Amino acid sequence: MSFIFILGIAAALAMDCFAITMGLACGSRGLSMKQALRMAVYFGGFQFVMPVIGWFAGDRLLGLIARFDHWVAFGLLVLIGGRMIHESVEMSDEEKACRPDQTRGRRLLLLALATSIDALAVGLSLGVVRTGVLYPAAVIGATSFILTVVGAKLGPVVGRVVGKRAELIGGLVLIGIGTKILIEHLAG
């Protein structure tokens, strides 16, 4: 498997990480480098580990999760996106400034899991074609890490353009990604 092919897969898998991070970074405060790196470690780490799990689990895991994996990703992203939309409409700027860090804890863990379910399927397919997994998983993880940091740095620029509705747009992006995942799996 060529590096260009693996990089193409990695970039496709990392687009959700990039879009979500950019949406979170659009807020009035943006993301600090510490927050961006925390997100990058979670997203990159999950994107590395999930293909490895998929590769080792093989067809057995595919049979267990194939019927509902898209629903899990959809549900998690709609839940988090809906919360972002609600907060953008219902919370004042003062309340938003006092809320806990959005890039840690359960919310970050759920985002990392939701964005890495497709990477699990990639690992399964690598196992089926009898290809090694560590090198592709490392490229996928590194690409996700890098694009997460880039999304965190581009977010404030986008936030200045869209203004106070940046969090609303970020929530809509999450729901859009979840809907895309659901439609692709139901149609495929």
C-alpha atoms as a PDB file:
ATOM      1  CA  MET A   1       0.000   0.000   0.000  1.00  0.00           C
ATOM      2  CA  SER A   2       1.580   3.296  -1.099  1.00  0.00           C
ATOM      3  CA  PHE A   3       2.142   6.272   1.176  1.00  0.00           C
ATOM      4  CA  ILE A   4      -0.051   8.482  -1.047  1.00  0.00           C
ATOM      5  CA  PHE A   5      -2.941   6.021  -0.759  1.00  0.00           C
ATOM      6  CA  ILE A   6      -2.544   5.814   3.030  1.00  0.00           C
ATOM      7  CA  LEU A   7      -2.284   9.615   3.266  1.00  0.00           C
ATOM      8  CA  GLY A   8      -5.508   9.942   1.251  1.00  0.00           C
ATOM      9  CA  ILE A   9      -7.313   7.644   3.689  1.00  0.00           C
ATOM     10  CA  ALA A  10      -5.787   9.526   6.625  1.00  0.00           C
ATOM     11  CA  ALA A  11      -6.870  12.913   5.261  1.00  0.00           C
ATOM     12  CA  ALA A  12     -10.411  11.676   4.675  1.00  0.00           C
ATOM     13  CA  LEU A  13     -10.625  10.305   8.224  1.00  0.00           C
ATOM     14  CA  ALA A  14      -9.133  13.498   9.696  1.00  0.00           C
ATOM     15  CA  MET A  15     -11.649  15.848   8.049  1.00  0.00           C
ATOM     16  CA  ASP A  16     -14.200  15.290  10.828  1.00  0.00           C
ATOM     17  CA  CYS A  17     -11.545  16.104  13.452  1.00  0.00           C
ATOM     18  CA  PHE A  18     -10.603  19.247  11.523  1.00  0.00           C
ATOM     19  CA  ALA A  19     -14.211  20.436  11.119  1.00  0.00           C
ATOM     20  CA  ILE A  20     -15.168  19.790  14.743  1.00  0.00           C
ATOM     21  CA  THR A  21     -12.080  21.521  16.106  1.00  0.00           C
ATOM     22  CA  MET A  22     -12.567  24.493  13.820  1.00  0.00           C
ATOM     23  CA  GLY A  23     -16.190  24.745  14.951  1.00  0.00           C
ATOM     24  CA  LEU A  24     -15.182  24.740  18.627  1.00  0.00           C
ATOM     25  CA  ALA A  25     -12.406  27.261  17.957  1.00  0.00           C
ATOM     26  CA  CYS A  26     -14.818  29.684  16.270  1.00  0.00           C
ATOM     27  CA  GLY A  27     -16.051  30.895  19.651  1.00  0.00           C
ATOM     28  CA  SER A  28     -15.192  34.338  20.940  1.00  0.00           C
ATOM     29  CA  ARG A  29     -12.303  33.006  23.028  1.00  0.00           C
ATOM     30  CA  GLY A  30     -10.913  30.594  20.454  1.00  0.00           C
ATOM     31  CA  LEU A  31      -8.769  27.733  21.725  1.00  0.00           C
ATOM     32  CA  SER A  32      -5.480  28.049  23.527  1.00  0.00           C
ATOM     33  CA  MET A  33      -2.522  26.029  22.286  1.00  0.00           C
ATOM     34  CA  LYS A  34      -2.952  23.754  25.316  1.00  0.00           C
ATOM     35  CA  GLN A  35      -6.596  23.094  24.407  1.00  0.00           C
ATOM     36  CA  ALA A  36      -5.703  22.549  20.744  1.00  0.00           C
ATOM     37  CA  LEU A  37      -2.960  20.080  21.656  1.00  0.00           C
ATOM     38  CA  ARG A  38      -5.278  18.256  24.079  1.00  0.00           C
ATOM     39  CA  MET A  39      -7.852  17.833  21.308  1.00  0.00           C
ATOM     40  CA  ALA A  40      -5.137  16.797  18.870  1.00  0.00           C
ATOM     41  CA  VAL A  41      -3.830  14.133  21.268  1.00  0.00           C
ATOM     42  CA  TYR A  42      -7.328  12.718  21.813  1.00  0.00           C
ATOM     43  CA  PHE A  43      -8.349  12.822  18.164  1.00  0.00           C
ATOM     44  CA  GLY A  44      -4.988  11.595  16.867  1.00  0.00           C
ATOM     45  CA  GLY A  45      -4.793   8.928  19.565  1.00  0.00           C
ATOM     46  CA  PHE A  46      -8.261   7.564  18.872  1.00  0.00           C
ATOM     47  CA  GLN A  47      -7.609   7.689  15.118  1.00  0.00           C
ATOM     48  CA  PHE A  48      -4.449   5.633  15.715  1.00  0.00           C
ATOM     49  CA  VAL A  49      -5.939   3.103  18.141  1.00  0.00           C
ATOM     50  CA  MET A  50      -9.235   2.387  16.382  1.00  0.00           C
ATOM     51  CA  PRO A  51      -7.726   0.944  13.170  1.00  0.00           C
ATOM     52  CA  VAL A  52      -5.478  -1.266  15.308  1.00  0.00           C
ATOM     53  CA  ILE A  53      -8.487  -2.506  17.281  1.00  0.00           C
ATOM     54  CA  GLY A  54     -10.389  -3.097  14.043  1.00  0.00           C
ATOM     55  CA  TRP A  55      -7.451  -4.960  12.511  1.00  0.00           C
ATOM     56  CA  PHE A  56      -7.109  -7.290  15.504  1.00  0.00           C
ATOM     57  CA  ALA A  57     -10.822  -7.781  15.991  1.00  0.00           C
ATOM     58  CA  GLY A  58     -11.409  -8.684  12.360  1.00  0.00           C
ATOM     59  CA  ASP A  59     -14.678  -9.842  10.935  1.00  0.00           C
ATOM     60  CA  ARG A  60     -16.139 -10.803  14.315  1.00  0.00           C
ATOM     61  CA  LEU A  61     -16.232  -7.192  15.477  1.00  0.00           C
ATOM     62  CA  LEU A  62     -17.580  -6.039  12.123  1.00  0.00           C
ATOM     63  CA  GLY A  63     -20.502  -8.415  12.495  1.00  0.00           C
ATOM     64  CA  LEU A  64     -21.233  -7.118  15.988  1.00  0.00           C
ATOM     65  CA  ILE A  65     -21.115  -3.373  15.270  1.00  0.00           C
ATOM     66  CA  ALA A  66     -21.915  -3.002  11.571  1.00  0.00           C
ATOM     67  CA  ARG A  67     -25.638  -2.782  12.203  1.00  0.00           C
ATOM     68  CA  PHE A  68     -25.428   0.180  14.562  1.00  0.00           C
ATOM     69  CA  ASP A  69     -22.002   1.907  14.376  1.00  0.00           C
ATOM     70  CA  HIS A  70     -23.383   4.673  12.166  1.00  0.00           C
ATOM     71  CA  TRP A  71     -26.247   5.245  14.595  1.00  0.00           C
ATOM     72  CA  VAL A  72     -23.793   5.616  17.499  1.00  0.00           C
ATOM     73  CA  ALA A  73     -21.690   8.187  15.617  1.00  0.00           C
ATOM     74  CA  PHE A  74     -24.831  10.008  14.485  1.00  0.00           C
ATOM     75  CA  GLY A  75     -26.319  10.062  17.985  1.00  0.00           C
ATOM     76  CA  LEU A  76     -23.154  11.328  19.655  1.00  0.00           C
ATOM     77  CA  LEU A  77     -22.588  14.089  17.101  1.00  0.00           C
ATOM     78  CA  VAL A  78     -26.243  15.206  17.126  1.00  0.00           C
ATOM     79  CA  LEU A  79     -26.239  15.259  20.931  1.00  0.00           C
ATOM     80  CA  ILE A  80     -23.099  17.395  21.127  1.00  0.00           C
ATOM     81  CA  GLY A  81     -24.111  19.568  18.158  1.00  0.00           C
ATOM     82  CA  GLY A  82     -27.577  20.103  19.616  1.00  0.00           C
ATOM     83  CA  ARG A  83     -26.047  21.163  22.897  1.00  0.00           C
ATOM     84  CA  MET A  84     -23.812  23.659  21.081  1.00  0.00           C
ATOM     85  CA  ILE A  85     -26.812  25.091  19.216  1.00  0.00           C
ATOM     86  CA  HIS A  86     -28.818  25.342  22.437  1.00  0.00           C
ATOM     87  CA  GLU A  87     -25.948  27.089  24.205  1.00  0.00           C
ATOM     88  CA  SER A  88     -25.452  29.506  21.307  1.00  0.00           C
ATOM     89  CA  VAL A  89     -29.094  30.583  21.464  1.00  0.00           C
ATOM     90  CA  GLU A  90     -29.870  30.340  25.185  1.00  0.00           C
ATOM     91  CA  MET A  91     -26.643  31.384  26.934  1.00  0.00           C
ATOM     92  CA  SER A  92     -25.431  34.942  27.369  1.00  0.00           C
ATOM     93  CA  ASP A  93     -21.799  35.832  26.682  1.00  0.00           C
ATOM     94  CA  GLU A  94     -21.205  36.018  30.447  1.00  0.00           C
ATOM     95  CA  GLU A  95     -22.615  32.502  30.969  1.00  0.00           C
ATOM     96  CA  LYS A  96     -20.492  31.168  28.108  1.00  0.00           C
ATOM     97  CA  ALA A  97     -17.371  32.692  29.649  1.00  0.00           C
ATOM     98  CA  CYS A  98     -18.091  30.873  32.951  1.00  0.00           C
ATOM     99  CA  ARG A  99     -18.845  27.419  31.543  1.00  0.00           C
ATOM    100  CA  PRO A 100     -16.305  24.630  31.931  1.00  0.00           C
ATOM    101  CA  ASP A 101     -13.618  23.971  29.355  1.00  0.00           C
ATOM    102  CA  GLN A 102     -15.266  22.439  26.279  1.00  0.00           C
ATOM    103  CA  THR A 103     -12.078  20.573  25.284  1.00  0.00           C
ATOM    104  CA  ARG A 104     -11.815  18.174  28.182  1.00  0.00           C
ATOM    105  CA  GLY A 105     -13.663  15.446  29.968  1.00  0.00           C
ATOM    106  CA  ARG A 106     -16.593  13.447  28.713  1.00  0.00           C
ATOM    107  CA  ARG A 107     -17.425  15.793  25.844  1.00  0.00           C
ATOM    108  CA  LEU A 108     -13.943  15.466  24.331  1.00  0.00           C
ATOM    109  CA  LEU A 109     -13.961  11.718  24.859  1.00  0.00           C
ATOM    110  CA  LEU A 110     -17.312  11.401  23.057  1.00  0.00           C
ATOM    111  CA  LEU A 111     -16.108  13.570  20.173  1.00  0.00           C
ATOM    112  CA  ALA A 112     -12.934  11.510  19.806  1.00  0.00           C
ATOM    113  CA  LEU A 113     -14.950   8.290  19.817  1.00  0.00           C
ATOM    114  CA  ALA A 114     -17.556   9.573  17.365  1.00  0.00           C
ATOM    115  CA  THR A 115     -14.933  10.792  14.888  1.00  0.00           C
ATOM    116  CA  SER A 116     -12.914   7.566  15.035  1.00  0.00           C
ATOM    117  CA  ILE A 117     -15.590   4.962  14.321  1.00  0.00           C
ATOM    118  CA  ASP A 118     -14.774   5.129  10.606  1.00  0.00           C
ATOM    119  CA  ALA A 119     -11.117   4.463  11.479  1.00  0.00           C
ATOM    120  CA  LEU A 120     -12.256   1.216  13.111  1.00  0.00           C
ATOM    121  CA  ALA A 121     -13.797   0.171   9.790  1.00  0.00           C
ATOM    122  CA  VAL A 122     -10.548   1.047   7.996  1.00  0.00           C
ATOM    123  CA  GLY A 123      -8.668  -1.232  10.396  1.00  0.00           C
ATOM    124  CA  LEU A 124     -11.138  -4.006   9.681  1.00  0.00           C
ATOM    125  CA  SER A 125     -10.617  -3.613   5.944  1.00  0.00           C
ATOM    126  CA  LEU A 126      -6.820  -3.623   6.367  1.00  0.00           C
ATOM    127  CA  GLY A 127      -7.146  -6.910   8.223  1.00  0.00           C
ATOM    128  CA  VAL A 128      -9.335  -8.381   5.499  1.00  0.00           C
ATOM    129  CA  VAL A 129      -6.775  -7.562   2.773  1.00  0.00           C
ATOM    130  CA  ARG A 130      -3.961  -8.820   5.017  1.00  0.00           C
ATOM    131  CA  THR A 131      -2.087  -5.518   5.166  1.00  0.00           C
ATOM    132  CA  GLY A 132      -0.045  -4.409   8.154  1.00  0.00           C
ATOM    133  CA  VAL A 133      -1.799  -1.914  10.397  1.00  0.00           C
ATOM    134  CA  LEU A 134       0.780  -0.035  12.461  1.00  0.00           C
ATOM    135  CA  TYR A 135       2.205   2.141   9.679  1.00  0.00           C
ATOM    136  CA  PRO A 136      -1.217   3.161   8.263  1.00  0.00           C
ATOM    137  CA  ALA A 137      -2.552   3.733  11.800  1.00  0.00           C
ATOM    138  CA  ALA A 138       0.434   5.961  12.614  1.00  0.00           C
ATOM    139  CA  VAL A 139      -0.125   8.019   9.449  1.00  0.00           C
ATOM    140  CA  ILE A 140      -3.847   8.292  10.228  1.00  0.00           C
ATOM    141  CA  GLY A 141      -3.159   9.352  13.823  1.00  0.00           C
ATOM    142  CA  ALA A 142      -0.485  11.889  12.845  1.00  0.00           C
ATOM    143  CA  THR A 143      -2.658  13.381  10.102  1.00  0.00           C
ATOM    144  CA  SER A 144      -5.575  13.733  12.505  1.00  0.00           C
ATOM    145  CA  PHE A 145      -3.286  15.348  15.082  1.00  0.00           C
ATOM    146  CA  ILE A 146      -1.966  17.880  12.565  1.00  0.00           C
ATOM    147  CA  LEU A 147      -5.355  18.740  11.057  1.00  0.00           C
ATOM    148  CA  THR A 148      -6.842  19.173  14.531  1.00  0.00           C
ATOM    149  CA  VAL A 149      -4.192  21.775  15.380  1.00  0.00           C
ATOM    150  CA  VAL A 150      -4.736  23.487  12.008  1.00  0.00           C
ATOM    151  CA  GLY A 151      -8.506  23.553  12.639  1.00  0.00           C
ATOM    152  CA  ALA A 152      -7.921  25.106  16.059  1.00  0.00           C
ATOM    153  CA  LYS A 153      -5.822  27.864  14.521  1.00  0.00           C
ATOM    154  CA  LEU A 154      -8.208  28.544  11.608  1.00  0.00           C
ATOM    155  CA  GLY A 155     -11.274  28.576  13.866  1.00  0.00           C
ATOM    156  CA  PRO A 156     -10.815  32.096  15.258  1.00  0.00           C
ATOM    157  CA  VAL A 157     -10.379  33.462  11.719  1.00  0.00           C
ATOM    158  CA  VAL A 158     -13.644  31.830  10.684  1.00  0.00           C
ATOM    159  CA  GLY A 159     -15.206  32.999  13.969  1.00  0.00           C
ATOM    160  CA  ARG A 160     -14.379  36.622  13.177  1.00  0.00           C
ATOM    161  CA  VAL A 161     -16.077  36.248   9.799  1.00  0.00           C
ATOM    162  CA  VAL A 162     -19.270  34.602  11.099  1.00  0.00           C
ATOM    163  CA  GLY A 163     -19.366  36.521  14.374  1.00  0.00           C
ATOM    164  CA  LYS A 164     -21.574  35.574  17.303  1.00  0.00           C
ATOM    165  CA  ARG A 165     -23.237  32.732  15.433  1.00  0.00           C
ATOM    166  CA  ALA A 166     -19.990  30.735  15.259  1.00  0.00           C
ATOM    167  CA  GLU A 167     -21.118  28.283  17.964  1.00  0.00           C
ATOM    168  CA  LEU A 168     -24.452  27.821  16.195  1.00  0.00           C
ATOM    169  CA  ILE A 169     -22.605  27.056  12.962  1.00  0.00           C
ATOM    170  CA  GLY A 170     -20.258  24.700  14.819  1.00  0.00           C
ATOM    171  CA  GLY A 171     -23.246  22.788  16.197  1.00  0.00           C
ATOM    172  CA  LEU A 172     -24.807  22.603  12.754  1.00  0.00           C
ATOM    173  CA  VAL A 173     -21.500  21.279  11.365  1.00  0.00           C
ATOM    174  CA  LEU A 174     -21.486  18.486  13.976  1.00  0.00           C
ATOM    175  CA  ILE A 175     -25.076  17.547  13.156  1.00  0.00           C
ATOM    176  CA  GLY A 176     -24.209  17.684   9.447  1.00  0.00           C
ATOM    177  CA  ILE A 177     -21.247  15.341   9.926  1.00  0.00           C
ATOM    178  CA  GLY A 178     -23.416  12.935  11.923  1.00  0.00           C
ATOM    179  CA  THR A 179     -26.128  13.042   9.263  1.00  0.00           C
ATOM    180  CA  LYS A 180     -23.538  12.454   6.520  1.00  0.00           C
ATOM    181  CA  ILE A 181     -22.208   9.396   8.371  1.00  0.00           C
ATOM    182  CA  LEU A 182     -25.736   8.030   8.822  1.00  0.00           C
ATOM    183  CA  ILE A 183     -26.773   8.593   5.194  1.00  0.00           C
ATOM    184  CA  GLU A 184     -23.546   7.081   3.810  1.00  0.00           C
ATOM    185  CA  HIS A 185     -23.974   3.936   5.883  1.00  0.00           C
ATOM    186  CA  LEU A 186     -27.681   3.569   5.188  1.00  0.00           C
ATOM    187  CA  ALA A 187     -27.189   4.138   1.456  1.00  0.00           C
ATOM    188  CA  GLY A 188     -24.102   1.910   1.254  1.00  0.00           C
END
